[in-house]
């Protein structure tokens, strides 16, 4: 099988194409013939050697068909999605024609969507759904602030929250993208930047914050919450630098809830992928309830070009790569 590999894993690398044997069947695992995979900023950090664990074959998600499954959990030929489970980190990932993933990180999806459309869903929507409905416990009528709304993750979260009847305020670094966010159903768009809490009329009345910019604005986001409000930190668009001299006793507002979610826990105890209604989400995408189609689609051979677009922050949404028969 063909794979896209890092020329020097763990260090700044370029991608090369390499032949590997198709993974052998293994109990408790599923071998998937990959038809398409989504692109994620985590893979940019892996390519640059800025991730603590990096496999030779990158990629943390895919969609495809079951090639083998010794335990019989999935029938051969079943259409599936796979997320995390060490892909791209501790085991070969999805930048390939085949991959082998633990059963607990695989979900069947019966959908009429094309492979490229289906590939835009798994990682982004599974993570956004968990943040919105598990960590933030968002409900109808509540106000949600999404910092980093134009990212593919932010757009997925907005789709889910608006569809659930929440009032959504979103931020962007470029107000030229405001019409796109308004088209997703947000009530208002704010310019992303320091001290948003001092500019936001709703400060101290926000029910929930999805923090995708990260540590650089975390304390400012906490300041927007009302008593009993929830903040979920789930992104690092503003970089990985830690908060200097963070002292919760002195800097955390009283009576608010702060949590973190990283999708690398999917498939671990307490975080089954089956908890996420991926089939329902795919159905709603097919029905047009969510604007979830990929903004750009690349061929397998165009991986370098795709990463160039991510490096330049020109994507504006989810990008996918189609593989082989797709």
C-alpha atoms as a PDB file:
ATOM      1  CA  UNK A   1       0.000   0.000   0.000  1.00  0.00           C
ATOM      2  CA  UNK A   2       1.043   3.620  -0.508  1.00  0.00           C
ATOM      3  CA  UNK A   3       1.600   5.807   2.511  1.00  0.00           C
ATOM      4  CA  UNK A   4       2.534   9.439   3.061  1.00  0.00           C
ATOM      5  CA  UNK A   5       5.339   9.435   5.601  1.00  0.00           C
ATOM      6  CA  UNK A   6       7.408  11.946   7.514  1.00  0.00           C
ATOM      7  CA  UNK A   7      10.961  11.955   6.220  1.00  0.00           C
ATOM      8  CA  UNK A   8      12.303  12.509   9.741  1.00  0.00           C
ATOM      9  CA  UNK A   9       9.611  11.882  12.384  1.00  0.00           C
ATOM     10  CA  UNK A  10       9.881  14.045  15.466  1.00  0.00           C
ATOM     11  CA  UNK A  11      11.828  16.764  13.679  1.00  0.00           C
ATOM     12  CA  UNK A  12      10.867  19.366  11.056  1.00  0.00           C
ATOM     13  CA  UNK A  13      10.006  17.094   8.159  1.00  0.00           C
ATOM     14  CA  UNK A  14       8.763  16.943   4.615  1.00  0.00           C
ATOM     15  CA  UNK A  15       6.385  14.286   3.311  1.00  0.00           C
ATOM     16  CA  UNK A  16       7.560  11.427   1.137  1.00  0.00           C
ATOM     17  CA  UNK A  17       5.612   8.540  -0.405  1.00  0.00           C
ATOM     18  CA  UNK A  18       6.537   5.058   0.715  1.00  0.00           C
ATOM     19  CA  UNK A  19       5.277   1.506   0.197  1.00  0.00           C
ATOM     20  CA  UNK A  20       4.288  -0.594   3.223  1.00  0.00           C
ATOM     21  CA  UNK A  21       2.567  -3.979   3.574  1.00  0.00           C
ATOM     22  CA  UNK A  22      -1.175  -3.803   4.229  1.00  0.00           C
ATOM     23  CA  UNK A  23      -1.591  -4.159   8.035  1.00  0.00           C
ATOM     24  CA  UNK A  24      -2.213  -7.726   9.197  1.00  0.00           C
ATOM     25  CA  UNK A  25      -5.487  -8.564  11.002  1.00  0.00           C
ATOM     26  CA  UNK A  26      -5.154  -8.294  14.786  1.00  0.00           C
ATOM     27  CA  UNK A  27      -7.704  -9.237  17.475  1.00  0.00           C
ATOM     28  CA  UNK A  28      -9.481  -6.199  18.880  1.00  0.00           C
ATOM     29  CA  UNK A  29      -8.611  -4.136  15.801  1.00  0.00           C
ATOM     30  CA  UNK A  30     -10.087  -3.183  12.445  1.00  0.00           C
ATOM     31  CA  UNK A  31      -8.091  -2.859   9.222  1.00  0.00           C
ATOM     32  CA  UNK A  32      -9.667  -0.120   7.125  1.00  0.00           C
ATOM     33  CA  UNK A  33      -9.311   0.506   3.412  1.00  0.00           C
ATOM     34  CA  UNK A  34      -9.181   4.301   3.495  1.00  0.00           C
ATOM     35  CA  UNK A  35     -11.244   6.275   0.999  1.00  0.00           C
ATOM     36  CA  UNK A  36     -10.688   9.782   2.414  1.00  0.00           C
ATOM     37  CA  UNK A  37      -9.348  11.571   5.465  1.00  0.00           C
ATOM     38  CA  UNK A  38      -9.749  14.980   7.049  1.00  0.00           C
ATOM     39  CA  UNK A  39      -6.829  17.330   7.629  1.00  0.00           C
ATOM     40  CA  UNK A  40      -6.131  18.710  11.100  1.00  0.00           C
ATOM     41  CA  UNK A  41      -3.773  21.280  12.602  1.00  0.00           C
ATOM     42  CA  UNK A  42      -2.457  18.572  14.939  1.00  0.00           C
ATOM     43  CA  UNK A  43      -0.803  17.040  11.863  1.00  0.00           C
ATOM     44  CA  UNK A  44       0.932  20.338  11.146  1.00  0.00           C
ATOM     45  CA  UNK A  45       2.478  20.235  14.613  1.00  0.00           C
ATOM     46  CA  UNK A  46       3.478  16.613  14.018  1.00  0.00           C
ATOM     47  CA  UNK A  47       5.152  17.563  10.739  1.00  0.00           C
ATOM     48  CA  UNK A  48       7.061  20.368  12.445  1.00  0.00           C
ATOM     49  CA  UNK A  49       8.294  18.128  15.253  1.00  0.00           C
ATOM     50  CA  UNK A  50       6.282  20.049  17.851  1.00  0.00           C
ATOM     51  CA  UNK A  51       4.206  17.077  19.060  1.00  0.00           C
ATOM     52  CA  UNK A  52       5.389  14.888  21.915  1.00  0.00           C
ATOM     53  CA  UNK A  53       4.525  11.678  20.043  1.00  0.00           C
ATOM     54  CA  UNK A  54       4.821  11.333  16.278  1.00  0.00           C
ATOM     55  CA  UNK A  55       4.507   8.227  14.113  1.00  0.00           C
ATOM     56  CA  UNK A  56       6.140   7.827  10.713  1.00  0.00           C
ATOM     57  CA  UNK A  57       2.697   7.853   9.050  1.00  0.00           C
ATOM     58  CA  UNK A  58       0.644  10.864  10.144  1.00  0.00           C
ATOM     59  CA  UNK A  59      -3.129  11.382  10.213  1.00  0.00           C
ATOM     60  CA  UNK A  60      -5.619  11.088  13.089  1.00  0.00           C
ATOM     61  CA  UNK A  61      -8.899  10.285  11.291  1.00  0.00           C
ATOM     62  CA  UNK A  62     -10.329   8.612   8.216  1.00  0.00           C
ATOM     63  CA  UNK A  63     -13.382   7.131   6.540  1.00  0.00           C
ATOM     64  CA  UNK A  64     -13.408   3.958   4.501  1.00  0.00           C
ATOM     65  CA  UNK A  65     -14.530   0.335   4.408  1.00  0.00           C
ATOM     66  CA  UNK A  66     -13.642  -2.568   6.668  1.00  0.00           C
ATOM     67  CA  UNK A  67     -10.939  -4.753   5.118  1.00  0.00           C
ATOM     68  CA  UNK A  68     -10.611  -7.164   8.053  1.00  0.00           C
ATOM     69  CA  UNK A  69     -11.966  -7.491  11.590  1.00  0.00           C
ATOM     70  CA  UNK A  70     -10.994 -10.741  13.348  1.00  0.00           C
ATOM     71  CA  UNK A  71     -13.403 -10.207  16.247  1.00  0.00           C
ATOM     72  CA  UNK A  72     -16.414  -9.791  13.978  1.00  0.00           C
ATOM     73  CA  UNK A  73     -17.447  -6.460  15.476  1.00  0.00           C
ATOM     74  CA  UNK A  74     -17.749  -5.035  11.942  1.00  0.00           C
ATOM     75  CA  UNK A  75     -18.584  -6.972   8.787  1.00  0.00           C
ATOM     76  CA  UNK A  76     -16.169  -6.845   5.870  1.00  0.00           C
ATOM     77  CA  UNK A  77     -17.143  -3.982   3.575  1.00  0.00           C
ATOM     78  CA  UNK A  78     -18.916  -1.938   6.265  1.00  0.00           C
ATOM     79  CA  UNK A  79     -18.603   1.819   5.786  1.00  0.00           C
ATOM     80  CA  UNK A  80     -16.833   3.227   8.851  1.00  0.00           C
ATOM     81  CA  UNK A  81     -15.127   6.236  10.373  1.00  0.00           C
ATOM     82  CA  UNK A  82     -12.071   6.028  12.632  1.00  0.00           C
ATOM     83  CA  UNK A  83     -10.749   8.641  15.049  1.00  0.00           C
ATOM     84  CA  UNK A  84      -7.590   8.788  17.138  1.00  0.00           C
ATOM     85  CA  UNK A  85      -6.671   5.614  19.049  1.00  0.00           C
ATOM     86  CA  UNK A  86      -3.030   6.600  18.695  1.00  0.00           C
ATOM     87  CA  UNK A  87      -3.196   7.113  14.921  1.00  0.00           C
ATOM     88  CA  UNK A  88      -0.395   9.368  13.770  1.00  0.00           C
ATOM     89  CA  UNK A  89       1.065   9.415  17.275  1.00  0.00           C
ATOM     90  CA  UNK A  90       1.931   5.928  18.513  1.00  0.00           C
ATOM     91  CA  UNK A  91       0.694   3.851  15.554  1.00  0.00           C
ATOM     92  CA  UNK A  92       0.693   4.472  11.787  1.00  0.00           C
ATOM     93  CA  UNK A  93      -2.032   6.975  10.939  1.00  0.00           C
ATOM     94  CA  UNK A  94      -4.497   7.672   8.163  1.00  0.00           C
ATOM     95  CA  UNK A  95      -2.217   9.249   5.528  1.00  0.00           C
ATOM     96  CA  UNK A  96      -2.252   5.906   3.742  1.00  0.00           C
ATOM     97  CA  UNK A  97      -4.353   3.527   1.681  1.00  0.00           C
ATOM     98  CA  UNK A  98      -4.954   1.285   4.717  1.00  0.00           C
ATOM     99  CA  UNK A  99      -4.686   1.616   8.473  1.00  0.00           C
ATOM    100  CA  UNK A 100      -5.303  -0.587  11.510  1.00  0.00           C
ATOM    101  CA  UNK A 101      -7.204   0.888  14.463  1.00  0.00           C
ATOM    102  CA  UNK A 102      -8.619  -0.425  17.739  1.00  0.00           C
ATOM    103  CA  UNK A 103     -12.262  -1.477  17.526  1.00  0.00           C
ATOM    104  CA  UNK A 104     -13.206   1.129  20.144  1.00  0.00           C
ATOM    105  CA  UNK A 105     -12.042   3.936  17.863  1.00  0.00           C
ATOM    106  CA  UNK A 106     -14.166   2.845  14.901  1.00  0.00           C
ATOM    107  CA  UNK A 107     -17.840   3.628  14.210  1.00  0.00           C
ATOM    108  CA  UNK A 108     -20.052   2.461  11.365  1.00  0.00           C
ATOM    109  CA  UNK A 109     -21.744   5.172   9.303  1.00  0.00           C
ATOM    110  CA  UNK A 110     -24.388   4.274   6.750  1.00  0.00           C
ATOM    111  CA  UNK A 111     -24.667   7.410   4.642  1.00  0.00           C
ATOM    112  CA  UNK A 112     -25.376   8.562   1.116  1.00  0.00           C
ATOM    113  CA  UNK A 113     -22.754  11.285   1.468  1.00  0.00           C
ATOM    114  CA  UNK A 114     -19.747  11.128  -0.828  1.00  0.00           C
ATOM    115  CA  UNK A 115     -16.484   9.972   0.735  1.00  0.00           C
ATOM    116  CA  UNK A 116     -15.096  13.497   0.641  1.00  0.00           C
ATOM    117  CA  UNK A 117     -18.164  14.915   2.402  1.00  0.00           C
ATOM    118  CA  UNK A 118     -18.153  12.112   4.956  1.00  0.00           C
ATOM    119  CA  UNK A 119     -14.452  12.704   5.680  1.00  0.00           C
ATOM    120  CA  UNK A 120     -15.214  16.236   6.891  1.00  0.00           C
ATOM    121  CA  UNK A 121     -17.236  14.908   9.836  1.00  0.00           C
ATOM    122  CA  UNK A 122     -15.507  12.429  12.200  1.00  0.00           C
ATOM    123  CA  UNK A 123     -12.788  14.192  14.191  1.00  0.00           C
ATOM    124  CA  UNK A 124     -14.239  17.691  13.981  1.00  0.00           C
ATOM    125  CA  UNK A 125     -17.844  16.838  14.814  1.00  0.00           C
ATOM    126  CA  UNK A 126     -17.095  14.150  17.397  1.00  0.00           C
ATOM    127  CA  UNK A 127     -14.891  16.592  19.293  1.00  0.00           C
ATOM    128  CA  UNK A 128     -17.260  19.545  18.910  1.00  0.00           C
ATOM    129  CA  UNK A 129     -20.270  17.446  20.005  1.00  0.00           C
ATOM    130  CA  UNK A 130     -18.452  16.233  23.116  1.00  0.00           C
ATOM    131  CA  UNK A 131     -17.351  19.741  24.069  1.00  0.00           C
ATOM    132  CA  UNK A 132     -20.792  21.267  23.498  1.00  0.00           C
ATOM    133  CA  UNK A 133     -23.024  18.648  25.061  1.00  0.00           C
ATOM    134  CA  UNK A 134     -20.790  16.880  27.574  1.00  0.00           C
ATOM    135  CA  UNK A 135     -18.266  19.403  28.909  1.00  0.00           C
ATOM    136  CA  UNK A 136     -20.338  22.565  28.457  1.00  0.00           C
ATOM    137  CA  UNK A 137     -23.735  20.889  29.002  1.00  0.00           C
ATOM    138  CA  UNK A 138     -25.235  23.446  26.618  1.00  0.00           C
ATOM    139  CA  UNK A 139     -29.034  23.620  26.396  1.00  0.00           C
ATOM    140  CA  UNK A 140     -31.669  25.506  24.423  1.00  0.00           C
ATOM    141  CA  UNK A 141     -31.831  29.232  25.108  1.00  0.00           C
ATOM    142  CA  UNK A 142     -28.359  29.515  26.611  1.00  0.00           C
ATOM    143  CA  UNK A 143     -25.677  31.877  25.291  1.00  0.00           C
ATOM    144  CA  UNK A 144     -22.464  30.344  23.945  1.00  0.00           C
ATOM    145  CA  UNK A 145     -19.286  32.234  23.084  1.00  0.00           C
ATOM    146  CA  UNK A 146     -17.055  30.472  20.542  1.00  0.00           C
ATOM    147  CA  UNK A 147     -13.560  31.952  20.396  1.00  0.00           C
ATOM    148  CA  UNK A 148     -12.033  30.882  17.087  1.00  0.00           C
ATOM    149  CA  UNK A 149     -15.304  30.509  15.213  1.00  0.00           C
ATOM    150  CA  UNK A 150     -13.949  30.378  11.657  1.00  0.00           C
ATOM    151  CA  UNK A 151     -11.850  27.263  12.280  1.00  0.00           C
ATOM    152  CA  UNK A 152     -13.368  23.989  11.077  1.00  0.00           C
ATOM    153  CA  UNK A 153     -13.815  23.003  14.733  1.00  0.00           C
ATOM    154  CA  UNK A 154     -15.472  26.332  15.508  1.00  0.00           C
ATOM    155  CA  UNK A 155     -17.844  26.020  12.560  1.00  0.00           C
ATOM    156  CA  UNK A 156     -18.858  22.507  13.624  1.00  0.00           C
ATOM    157  CA  UNK A 157     -19.529  23.713  17.172  1.00  0.00           C
ATOM    158  CA  UNK A 158     -21.611  26.613  15.863  1.00  0.00           C
ATOM    159  CA  UNK A 159     -23.660  24.275  13.670  1.00  0.00           C
ATOM    160  CA  UNK A 160     -24.382  21.998  16.634  1.00  0.00           C
ATOM    161  CA  UNK A 161     -25.146  24.807  19.092  1.00  0.00           C
ATOM    162  CA  UNK A 162     -27.412  26.771  16.743  1.00  0.00           C
ATOM    163  CA  UNK A 163     -29.285  23.595  15.847  1.00  0.00           C
ATOM    164  CA  UNK A 164     -29.751  22.947  19.581  1.00  0.00           C
ATOM    165  CA  UNK A 165     -31.419  26.339  20.036  1.00  0.00           C
ATOM    166  CA  UNK A 166     -28.553  28.234  21.681  1.00  0.00           C
ATOM    167  CA  UNK A 167     -27.659  31.871  21.066  1.00  0.00           C
ATOM    168  CA  UNK A 168     -24.112  31.922  19.692  1.00  0.00           C
ATOM    169  CA  UNK A 169     -21.551  34.721  19.636  1.00  0.00           C
ATOM    170  CA  UNK A 170     -18.419  33.929  17.618  1.00  0.00           C
ATOM    171  CA  UNK A 171     -15.035  35.585  17.276  1.00  0.00           C
ATOM    172  CA  UNK A 172     -12.750  35.869  14.266  1.00  0.00           C
ATOM    173  CA  UNK A 173      -9.404  37.534  13.646  1.00  0.00           C
ATOM    174  CA  UNK A 174     -10.682  38.712  10.267  1.00  0.00           C
ATOM    175  CA  UNK A 175     -14.069  40.444  10.101  1.00  0.00           C
ATOM    176  CA  UNK A 176     -14.193  39.743   6.365  1.00  0.00           C
ATOM    177  CA  UNK A 177     -15.256  36.245   7.487  1.00  0.00           C
ATOM    178  CA  UNK A 178     -18.164  37.554   9.534  1.00  0.00           C
ATOM    179  CA  UNK A 179     -20.746  36.919   6.749  1.00  0.00           C
ATOM    180  CA  UNK A 180     -19.793  33.240   6.738  1.00  0.00           C
ATOM    181  CA  UNK A 181     -20.327  32.998  10.504  1.00  0.00           C
ATOM    182  CA  UNK A 182     -23.623  34.866  10.291  1.00  0.00           C
ATOM    183  CA  UNK A 183     -24.651  32.409   7.601  1.00  0.00           C
ATOM    184  CA  UNK A 184     -24.134  29.591  10.117  1.00  0.00           C
ATOM    185  CA  UNK A 185     -26.660  31.258  12.408  1.00  0.00           C
ATOM    186  CA  UNK A 186     -24.554  33.141  14.964  1.00  0.00           C
ATOM    187  CA  UNK A 187     -26.269  36.162  16.492  1.00  0.00           C
ATOM    188  CA  UNK A 188     -23.181  38.371  16.426  1.00  0.00           C
ATOM    189  CA  UNK A 189     -19.532  38.322  15.387  1.00  0.00           C
ATOM    190  CA  UNK A 190     -16.792  39.949  17.470  1.00  0.00           C
ATOM    191  CA  UNK A 191     -13.211  40.710  16.481  1.00  0.00           C
ATOM    192  CA  UNK A 192     -10.907  38.263  18.235  1.00  0.00           C
ATOM    193  CA  UNK A 193      -8.291  39.956  20.389  1.00  0.00           C
ATOM    194  CA  UNK A 194      -7.137  40.801  23.899  1.00  0.00           C
ATOM    195  CA  UNK A 195      -9.592  41.948  26.567  1.00  0.00           C
ATOM    196  CA  UNK A 196     -12.686  40.763  24.745  1.00  0.00           C
ATOM    197  CA  UNK A 197     -14.366  40.547  28.134  1.00  0.00           C
ATOM    198  CA  UNK A 198     -14.179  44.342  28.424  1.00  0.00           C
ATOM    199  CA  UNK A 199     -15.761  44.828  24.981  1.00  0.00           C
ATOM    200  CA  UNK A 200     -18.482  42.196  25.211  1.00  0.00           C
ATOM    201  CA  UNK A 201     -21.897  43.521  26.347  1.00  0.00           C
ATOM    202  CA  UNK A 202     -22.827  40.045  27.619  1.00  0.00           C
ATOM    203  CA  UNK A 203     -19.838  39.742  29.968  1.00  0.00           C
ATOM    204  CA  UNK A 204     -20.896  38.122  33.261  1.00  0.00           C
ATOM    205  CA  UNK A 205     -24.028  36.740  31.599  1.00  0.00           C
ATOM    206  CA  UNK A 206     -22.421  34.176  29.242  1.00  0.00           C
ATOM    207  CA  UNK A 207     -23.529  30.595  29.964  1.00  0.00           C
ATOM    208  CA  UNK A 208     -20.732  28.788  28.138  1.00  0.00           C
ATOM    209  CA  UNK A 209     -17.455  29.457  26.354  1.00  0.00           C
ATOM    210  CA  UNK A 210     -15.786  27.125  23.860  1.00  0.00           C
ATOM    211  CA  UNK A 211     -12.173  28.249  23.983  1.00  0.00           C
ATOM    212  CA  UNK A 212     -10.313  27.360  20.775  1.00  0.00           C
ATOM    213  CA  UNK A 213      -7.759  30.199  20.799  1.00  0.00           C
ATOM    214  CA  UNK A 214      -6.180  28.738  23.909  1.00  0.00           C
ATOM    215  CA  UNK A 215      -4.010  29.805  26.796  1.00  0.00           C
ATOM    216  CA  UNK A 216      -3.310  33.295  25.452  1.00  0.00           C
ATOM    217  CA  UNK A 217      -6.921  34.390  26.125  1.00  0.00           C
ATOM    218  CA  UNK A 218      -8.073  31.806  28.658  1.00  0.00           C
ATOM    219  CA  UNK A 219      -8.274  34.148  31.660  1.00  0.00           C
ATOM    220  CA  UNK A 220     -10.110  36.728  29.565  1.00  0.00           C
ATOM    221  CA  UNK A 221     -12.647  34.086  28.498  1.00  0.00           C
ATOM    222  CA  UNK A 222     -13.222  32.983  32.084  1.00  0.00           C
ATOM    223  CA  UNK A 223     -14.021  36.599  32.954  1.00  0.00           C
ATOM    224  CA  UNK A 224     -17.011  36.588  30.560  1.00  0.00           C
ATOM    225  CA  UNK A 225     -18.870  33.785  32.371  1.00  0.00           C
ATOM    226  CA  UNK A 226     -21.767  34.191  34.727  1.00  0.00           C
ATOM    227  CA  UNK A 227     -21.850  32.331  38.021  1.00  0.00           C
ATOM    228  CA  UNK A 228     -22.359  28.657  37.240  1.00  0.00           C
ATOM    229  CA  UNK A 229     -21.119  29.111  33.668  1.00  0.00           C
ATOM    230  CA  UNK A 230     -18.910  26.572  31.918  1.00  0.00           C
ATOM    231  CA  UNK A 231     -15.711  26.991  29.890  1.00  0.00           C
ATOM    232  CA  UNK A 232     -14.184  24.179  27.827  1.00  0.00           C
ATOM    233  CA  UNK A 233     -10.627  24.586  26.579  1.00  0.00           C
ATOM    234  CA  UNK A 234     -10.254  22.506  23.422  1.00  0.00           C
ATOM    235  CA  UNK A 235      -7.916  24.337  21.038  1.00  0.00           C
ATOM    236  CA  UNK A 236      -4.690  26.240  20.721  1.00  0.00           C
ATOM    237  CA  UNK A 237      -5.090  28.478  17.667  1.00  0.00           C
ATOM    238  CA  UNK A 238      -3.162  31.154  19.580  1.00  0.00           C
ATOM    239  CA  UNK A 239      -0.187  28.850  20.164  1.00  0.00           C
ATOM    240  CA  UNK A 240       0.963  26.327  22.743  1.00  0.00           C
ATOM    241  CA  UNK A 241       2.716  28.716  25.137  1.00  0.00           C
ATOM    242  CA  UNK A 242       1.555  28.226  28.767  1.00  0.00           C
ATOM    243  CA  UNK A 243      -0.100  30.911  30.859  1.00  0.00           C
ATOM    244  CA  UNK A 244       2.739  32.566  32.807  1.00  0.00           C
ATOM    245  CA  UNK A 245       2.420  32.342  36.588  1.00  0.00           C
ATOM    246  CA  UNK A 246      -1.175  31.071  36.458  1.00  0.00           C
ATOM    247  CA  UNK A 247      -2.551  30.957  39.996  1.00  0.00           C
ATOM    248  CA  UNK A 248      -6.151  29.676  40.106  1.00  0.00           C
ATOM    249  CA  UNK A 249      -6.626  30.882  43.679  1.00  0.00           C
ATOM    250  CA  UNK A 250      -5.992  34.459  42.584  1.00  0.00           C
ATOM    251  CA  UNK A 251      -7.073  34.473  38.929  1.00  0.00           C
ATOM    252  CA  UNK A 252     -10.042  32.080  38.591  1.00  0.00           C
ATOM    253  CA  UNK A 253     -13.491  33.687  38.917  1.00  0.00           C
ATOM    254  CA  UNK A 254     -15.515  32.161  41.731  1.00  0.00           C
ATOM    255  CA  UNK A 255     -18.378  29.823  40.922  1.00  0.00           C
ATOM    256  CA  UNK A 256     -17.471  28.953  37.311  1.00  0.00           C
ATOM    257  CA  UNK A 257     -16.634  25.563  35.804  1.00  0.00           C
ATOM    258  CA  UNK A 258     -13.423  25.063  33.794  1.00  0.00           C
ATOM    259  CA  UNK A 259     -12.687  21.865  31.865  1.00  0.00           C
ATOM    260  CA  UNK A 260     -10.479  20.584  29.067  1.00  0.00           C
ATOM    261  CA  UNK A 261     -11.225  18.154  26.277  1.00  0.00           C
ATOM    262  CA  UNK A 262      -8.728  16.520  23.929  1.00  0.00           C
ATOM    263  CA  UNK A 263      -9.977  14.083  21.322  1.00  0.00           C
ATOM    264  CA  UNK A 264      -6.991  11.789  21.912  1.00  0.00           C
ATOM    265  CA  UNK A 265      -9.056  10.222  24.733  1.00  0.00           C
ATOM    266  CA  UNK A 266     -11.677   8.813  22.351  1.00  0.00           C
ATOM    267  CA  UNK A 267     -11.715   5.055  22.795  1.00  0.00           C
ATOM    268  CA  UNK A 268     -10.327   5.231  26.326  1.00  0.00           C
ATOM    269  CA  UNK A 269     -12.339   4.232  29.431  1.00  0.00           C
ATOM    270  CA  UNK A 270     -14.985   6.846  30.076  1.00  0.00           C
ATOM    271  CA  UNK A 271     -14.786   8.243  26.539  1.00  0.00           C
ATOM    272  CA  UNK A 272     -16.260   5.651  24.155  1.00  0.00           C
ATOM    273  CA  UNK A 273     -16.634   6.791  20.579  1.00  0.00           C
ATOM    274  CA  UNK A 274     -20.072   5.195  20.682  1.00  0.00           C
ATOM    275  CA  UNK A 275     -21.125   8.052  22.989  1.00  0.00           C
ATOM    276  CA  UNK A 276     -21.025  10.375  19.962  1.00  0.00           C
ATOM    277  CA  UNK A 277     -24.035  10.147  17.592  1.00  0.00           C
ATOM    278  CA  UNK A 278     -21.949  10.158  14.411  1.00  0.00           C
ATOM    279  CA  UNK A 279     -24.685   8.429  12.405  1.00  0.00           C
ATOM    280  CA  UNK A 280     -27.234  11.073  13.408  1.00  0.00           C
ATOM    281  CA  UNK A 281     -24.761  13.854  12.613  1.00  0.00           C
ATOM    282  CA  UNK A 282     -24.047  12.362   9.172  1.00  0.00           C
ATOM    283  CA  UNK A 283     -27.801  12.126   8.523  1.00  0.00           C
ATOM    284  CA  UNK A 284     -28.268  15.787   9.462  1.00  0.00           C
ATOM    285  CA  UNK A 285     -25.377  16.822   7.210  1.00  0.00           C
ATOM    286  CA  UNK A 286     -26.988  14.900   4.350  1.00  0.00           C
ATOM    287  CA  UNK A 287     -30.311  16.647   5.101  1.00  0.00           C
ATOM    288  CA  UNK A 288     -28.610  20.045   4.940  1.00  0.00           C
ATOM    289  CA  UNK A 289     -29.173  20.946   8.585  1.00  0.00           C
ATOM    290  CA  UNK A 290     -25.440  21.580   9.007  1.00  0.00           C
ATOM    291  CA  UNK A 291     -23.126  23.390   6.601  1.00  0.00           C
ATOM    292  CA  UNK A 292     -20.401  20.806   6.936  1.00  0.00           C
ATOM    293  CA  UNK A 293     -19.121  20.131   3.428  1.00  0.00           C
ATOM    294  CA  UNK A 294     -15.334  20.465   2.963  1.00  0.00           C
ATOM    295  CA  UNK A 295     -14.067  23.798   1.699  1.00  0.00           C
ATOM    296  CA  UNK A 296     -11.311  22.131  -0.340  1.00  0.00           C
ATOM    297  CA  UNK A 297     -10.631  18.601  -1.529  1.00  0.00           C
ATOM    298  CA  UNK A 298      -7.153  17.345  -2.425  1.00  0.00           C
ATOM    299  CA  UNK A 299      -5.858  14.214  -4.082  1.00  0.00           C
ATOM    300  CA  UNK A 300      -3.516  11.884  -2.194  1.00  0.00           C
ATOM    301  CA  UNK A 301      -0.581  13.197  -4.217  1.00  0.00           C
ATOM    302  CA  UNK A 302      -1.377  16.806  -3.230  1.00  0.00           C
ATOM    303  CA  UNK A 303      -0.638  16.464   0.484  1.00  0.00           C
ATOM    304  CA  UNK A 304       2.194  19.010   0.395  1.00  0.00           C
ATOM    305  CA  UNK A 305      -0.075  21.602  -1.225  1.00  0.00           C
ATOM    306  CA  UNK A 306      -2.773  20.915   1.362  1.00  0.00           C
ATOM    307  CA  UNK A 307      -0.346  21.506   4.215  1.00  0.00           C
ATOM    308  CA  UNK A 308       0.869  24.685   2.580  1.00  0.00           C
ATOM    309  CA  UNK A 309      -2.709  26.000   2.709  1.00  0.00           C
ATOM    310  CA  UNK A 310      -2.913  25.098   6.413  1.00  0.00           C
ATOM    311  CA  UNK A 311       0.442  26.746   7.125  1.00  0.00           C
ATOM    312  CA  UNK A 312      -0.820  29.953   5.534  1.00  0.00           C
ATOM    313  CA  UNK A 313      -4.148  29.799   7.427  1.00  0.00           C
ATOM    314  CA  UNK A 314      -6.044  30.058   4.139  1.00  0.00           C
ATOM    315  CA  UNK A 315      -8.349  27.073   4.612  1.00  0.00           C
ATOM    316  CA  UNK A 316     -11.421  28.773   6.089  1.00  0.00           C
ATOM    317  CA  UNK A 317     -12.930  25.430   7.039  1.00  0.00           C
ATOM    318  CA  UNK A 318     -12.425  21.686   6.852  1.00  0.00           C
ATOM    319  CA  UNK A 319     -10.175  20.305   4.113  1.00  0.00           C
ATOM    320  CA  UNK A 320     -10.027  16.636   3.123  1.00  0.00           C
ATOM    321  CA  UNK A 321      -7.910  14.305   1.015  1.00  0.00           C
ATOM    322  CA  UNK A 322      -9.400  11.564  -1.149  1.00  0.00           C
ATOM    323  CA  UNK A 323      -7.606   8.244  -1.485  1.00  0.00           C
ATOM    324  CA  UNK A 324      -7.631   5.602  -4.194  1.00  0.00           C
ATOM    325  CA  UNK A 325     -11.106   4.578  -5.324  1.00  0.00           C
ATOM    326  CA  UNK A 326     -12.714   7.646  -3.742  1.00  0.00           C
END
